[in-house]
Protein backbone atom coordinates (compact mmCIF):
# COMPACT_ATOMS: atom_id res chain seq x y z
CA MET A 1 58.69 137.05 143.35
CA SER A 2 60.71 137.03 146.57
CA ARG A 3 64.47 137.44 146.67
CA THR A 4 64.81 133.90 148.08
CA VAL A 5 63.03 132.42 145.05
CA TRP A 6 65.27 134.37 142.67
CA VAL A 7 68.36 133.12 144.45
CA LEU A 8 67.12 129.52 144.28
CA LEU A 9 66.37 129.85 140.55
CA ALA A 10 69.82 131.30 139.90
CA VAL A 11 71.50 128.47 141.81
CA LEU A 12 69.48 125.87 139.90
CA ALA A 13 70.35 127.49 136.55
CA LEU A 14 74.06 127.55 137.37
CA SER A 15 73.96 123.92 138.55
CA PHE A 16 72.18 122.84 135.36
CA ALA A 17 74.76 124.66 133.20
CA ALA A 18 77.63 123.04 135.09
CA ILE A 19 76.15 119.55 134.82
CA THR A 20 75.40 120.03 131.11
CA GLY A 21 78.95 121.21 130.44
CA LEU A 22 80.38 118.20 132.24
CA ALA A 23 78.12 115.84 130.31
CA VAL A 24 79.17 117.36 126.98
CA ARG A 25 82.86 117.09 127.87
CA ARG A 26 82.39 113.41 128.76
CA GLY A 27 80.44 112.69 125.59
CA ILE A 28 77.15 111.98 127.34
CA LEU A 29 75.48 114.88 125.55
CA GLY A 30 76.25 116.48 122.24
CA ALA A 31 77.75 115.11 119.05
CA ARG A 32 80.00 112.11 119.51
CA ALA A 33 83.48 112.22 118.02
CA GLN A 34 83.59 110.53 114.64
CA PRO A 35 86.28 107.93 113.95
CA ALA A 36 89.24 109.26 111.99
CA ALA A 37 88.99 108.72 108.25
CA ILE A 38 91.14 106.00 106.70
CA GLY A 39 93.07 106.99 103.61
CA GLY A 40 94.07 110.34 102.23
CA PRO A 41 96.65 112.15 100.13
CA PHE A 42 100.14 110.74 99.67
CA ARG A 43 103.06 111.14 97.28
CA LEU A 44 105.32 108.15 96.63
CA VAL A 45 107.13 106.40 93.77
CA ASP A 46 106.18 103.04 92.27
CA GLN A 47 108.46 100.13 91.37
CA THR A 48 109.30 101.75 88.03
CA GLY A 49 110.45 104.98 89.70
CA ARG A 50 107.35 106.91 88.57
CA GLN A 51 105.97 109.58 90.91
CA VAL A 52 102.44 108.67 92.02
CA ASP A 53 99.82 109.92 94.44
CA ALA A 54 96.46 108.79 95.82
CA ARG A 55 94.93 109.01 92.34
CA ILE A 56 96.35 105.55 91.61
CA LEU A 57 93.44 104.23 93.69
CA LYS A 58 90.87 105.70 91.32
CA ASP A 59 88.95 103.43 88.92
CA LYS A 60 90.13 100.23 90.65
CA TRP A 61 89.16 98.29 93.73
CA SER A 62 92.39 98.39 95.76
CA ALA A 63 93.73 96.19 98.53
CA VAL A 64 96.19 98.50 100.32
CA PHE A 65 98.76 96.74 102.48
CA PHE A 66 101.78 98.17 104.31
CA GLY A 67 104.85 95.97 104.69
CA PHE A 68 108.43 95.51 103.53
CA THR A 69 110.36 93.17 101.27
CA TYR A 70 112.51 91.68 104.05
CA CYS A 71 109.35 90.76 105.99
CA PRO A 72 109.65 87.10 107.05
CA GLU A 73 105.99 86.08 107.29
CA ALA A 74 103.07 88.53 107.31
CA CYS A 75 103.89 90.25 104.00
CA PRO A 76 104.52 87.21 101.80
CA THR A 77 101.58 85.40 103.40
CA THR A 78 99.24 88.33 102.64
CA LEU A 79 100.54 88.74 99.07
CA LEU A 80 100.15 85.02 98.38
CA ALA A 81 96.55 85.16 99.66
CA LEU A 82 95.79 88.24 97.54
CA ALA A 83 97.17 86.47 94.46
CA GLN A 84 94.78 83.57 95.05
CA THR A 85 91.99 86.08 95.65
CA GLU A 86 92.63 87.54 92.18
CA THR A 87 92.04 84.10 90.71
CA LEU A 88 88.80 83.68 92.67
CA LEU A 89 87.53 87.03 91.38
CA GLY A 90 87.59 85.69 87.82
CA PRO A 91 86.88 88.35 85.17
CA LYS A 92 86.45 90.94 87.94
CA ALA A 93 90.16 90.65 88.73
CA SER A 94 90.84 93.19 86.00
CA ASP A 95 89.03 95.76 88.21
CA PHE A 96 91.15 94.91 91.25
CA GLN A 97 94.70 95.78 92.28
CA THR A 98 97.03 95.20 95.22
CA VAL A 99 98.91 98.26 96.48
CA PHE A 100 101.94 97.27 98.56
CA ILE A 101 103.40 100.28 100.42
CA SER A 102 106.83 99.79 101.96
CA VAL A 103 107.48 100.88 105.54
CA ASP A 104 111.20 100.29 104.98
CA PRO A 105 112.26 103.07 102.60
CA GLN A 106 115.90 102.67 103.62
CA ARG A 107 116.16 99.29 101.85
CA ASP A 108 113.07 99.13 99.64
CA THR A 109 114.11 101.08 96.56
CA PRO A 110 111.93 100.91 93.44
CA LYS A 111 114.31 98.32 91.99
CA VAL A 112 114.06 96.13 95.11
CA LEU A 113 110.27 96.39 95.05
CA ALA A 114 110.14 95.50 91.35
CA ASN A 115 112.24 92.39 91.93
CA TYR A 116 110.17 91.38 94.97
CA LEU A 117 106.81 91.76 93.25
CA SER A 118 108.02 89.86 90.18
CA ASN A 119 107.41 86.68 92.18
CA THR A 120 104.88 84.78 90.06
CA SER A 121 103.08 83.64 93.22
CA PHE A 122 102.27 87.25 94.12
CA PRO A 123 99.38 89.27 92.64
CA ARG A 124 99.67 90.01 88.92
CA HIS A 125 98.01 93.40 89.40
CA ALA A 126 100.35 94.74 92.10
CA LEU A 127 101.83 98.18 92.63
CA GLY A 128 104.83 98.57 94.91
CA LEU A 129 105.25 102.00 96.46
CA THR A 130 108.10 103.58 98.39
CA GLY A 131 109.55 107.03 98.99
CA THR A 132 111.49 109.12 101.45
CA PRO A 133 111.04 108.39 105.16
CA LYS A 134 108.85 111.50 105.41
CA GLU A 135 106.69 110.48 102.43
CA VAL A 136 106.25 106.95 103.79
CA ALA A 137 105.36 108.33 107.23
CA GLY A 138 102.72 110.54 105.60
CA ALA A 139 101.11 107.61 103.78
CA ALA A 140 101.19 105.43 106.90
CA GLY A 141 99.65 108.24 108.92
CA ALA A 142 96.79 108.60 106.45
CA TYR A 143 95.94 104.92 107.02
CA HIS A 144 96.68 104.92 110.76
CA VAL A 145 99.36 102.29 110.23
CA PHE A 146 101.88 101.53 112.98
CA TYR A 147 105.47 100.66 112.07
CA GLN A 148 108.75 100.75 113.97
CA LYS A 149 112.28 99.67 113.16
CA ALA A 150 113.48 96.79 115.35
CA GLY A 151 117.16 95.99 115.72
CA ASP A 152 120.33 97.30 114.09
CA GLY A 153 122.58 96.27 111.26
CA PRO A 154 121.62 95.16 107.76
CA THR A 155 119.25 92.44 108.99
CA TYR A 156 117.00 94.70 111.08
CA GLN A 157 113.26 94.04 111.05
CA VAL A 158 110.29 96.41 110.99
CA ASN A 159 107.32 95.79 113.26
CA HIS A 160 104.15 96.94 111.52
CA SER A 161 100.37 96.67 111.26
CA THR A 162 99.26 93.64 109.25
CA ILE A 163 95.72 94.49 108.15
CA THR A 164 94.71 95.19 104.56
CA TYR A 165 92.42 98.06 103.61
CA LEU A 166 89.90 97.62 100.81
CA MET A 167 89.36 100.92 98.98
CA ASN A 168 86.63 101.54 96.40
CA PRO A 169 87.23 102.97 92.88
CA GLN A 170 86.68 106.45 94.29
CA GLY A 171 89.68 105.96 96.57
CA GLU A 172 87.44 105.72 99.66
CA PHE A 173 87.73 103.23 102.50
CA VAL A 174 85.37 100.25 102.32
CA CYS A 175 86.44 97.76 104.98
CA VAL A 176 89.31 96.05 106.76
CA ILE A 177 90.55 92.64 105.65
CA PRO A 178 92.19 91.08 108.74
CA TYR A 179 95.53 89.32 108.53
CA GLY A 180 94.98 85.60 108.22
CA ASP A 181 91.76 85.81 106.17
CA THR A 182 91.64 83.04 103.59
CA PRO A 183 91.54 83.92 99.90
CA GLN A 184 87.95 82.69 99.88
CA ALA A 185 87.00 85.06 102.71
CA MET A 186 88.79 87.93 100.97
CA ALA A 187 87.01 87.24 97.70
CA VAL A 188 83.61 87.15 99.42
CA LYS A 189 84.21 90.58 100.98
CA ILE A 190 85.50 92.13 97.77
CA GLN A 191 82.64 90.70 95.69
CA ALA A 192 80.11 91.97 98.26
CA ALA A 193 81.57 95.46 97.94
CA MET A 194 81.64 95.27 94.14
CA ARG A 195 77.94 94.41 94.06
CA GLN A 196 77.19 97.66 95.89
CA GLY A 197 78.86 99.73 93.20
CA PRO A 198 81.87 102.06 93.07
CA ARG A 199 80.81 104.09 96.12
CA ALA A 200 80.52 101.05 98.42
CA GLN A 201 81.23 101.78 102.07
CA SER A 202 81.09 98.24 103.46
CA CYS A 203 81.73 94.63 102.50
């Protein structure tokens, strides 16, 4: 084989390698990046002051929602809807819980959470969780939740994500329940997941 042919083959091989590398870097070839998992380890305290971790999600279907007790609209609206959802679930409500995680640890002590969740219009099966700023940030990070303090003084607000995460009895993510879903829509999604069994991955 002539030297010219060898040179051409070498150039073609190098060009192919370069193009392949570029395609992989841009995601055209090779494994695509998987979306980040929702949920994970956390350590917080509940409204009774008891230390808890992600194991509180085991053996129950859990609606996990991040908010704060001074929230003017999104939080009470979501909790009211989840309370009505409990009623719509009928006997299955005993297998379902709402987990309300505060993104305002400065004000939301266990005692404040206990008083807030004692509202009879809120879910009967509700856990309120809080902790140190670092612990709350860890839990929010596990669920990819955004929150940010807005304003100064005792009446400051906290901007935050408003979606609810449905987790199965294994503590695994099932689906998102968007803010504004009616109790009927919530119940349909939860019942659909329940029919799939405790390892459901969709609703």
